[in-house]
Amino acid sequence: MPYLCPECGAEYRPGFTHCTDCDVVLVAELPKPEPDIDRADLSHVWTGKDQDRCIELCKDFRAKGIPFKVEQSRHQLLTCASDTLN
């Protein structure tokens, strides 16, 4: 069974544990892709550098079934479906 990188999709032979390009742990199967979200339907929710806070917000949105997207650059930008914020 090949081992796969969850970031780039590269296949590795048994015995390898990390992707040499992405430096992430290999998995037996790739996660199912998240459905694409139309950016026009998203509203800005939060911007910041605190990764733990971003993860906390994402968990809350996921638990409530609210579609969201995180964009990372120097700051993390969290947006979610605007009709769910009311």
Foldseek 3Di string as FASTA:
>chain_A
DWWADLPPGDTHDPPDQADPVPRDGTHPDHDDDDDDDDPVQKDWDDKAADPVVVVVVVVVCVVVVWDWDWDDDPIIIIITGPVPPD
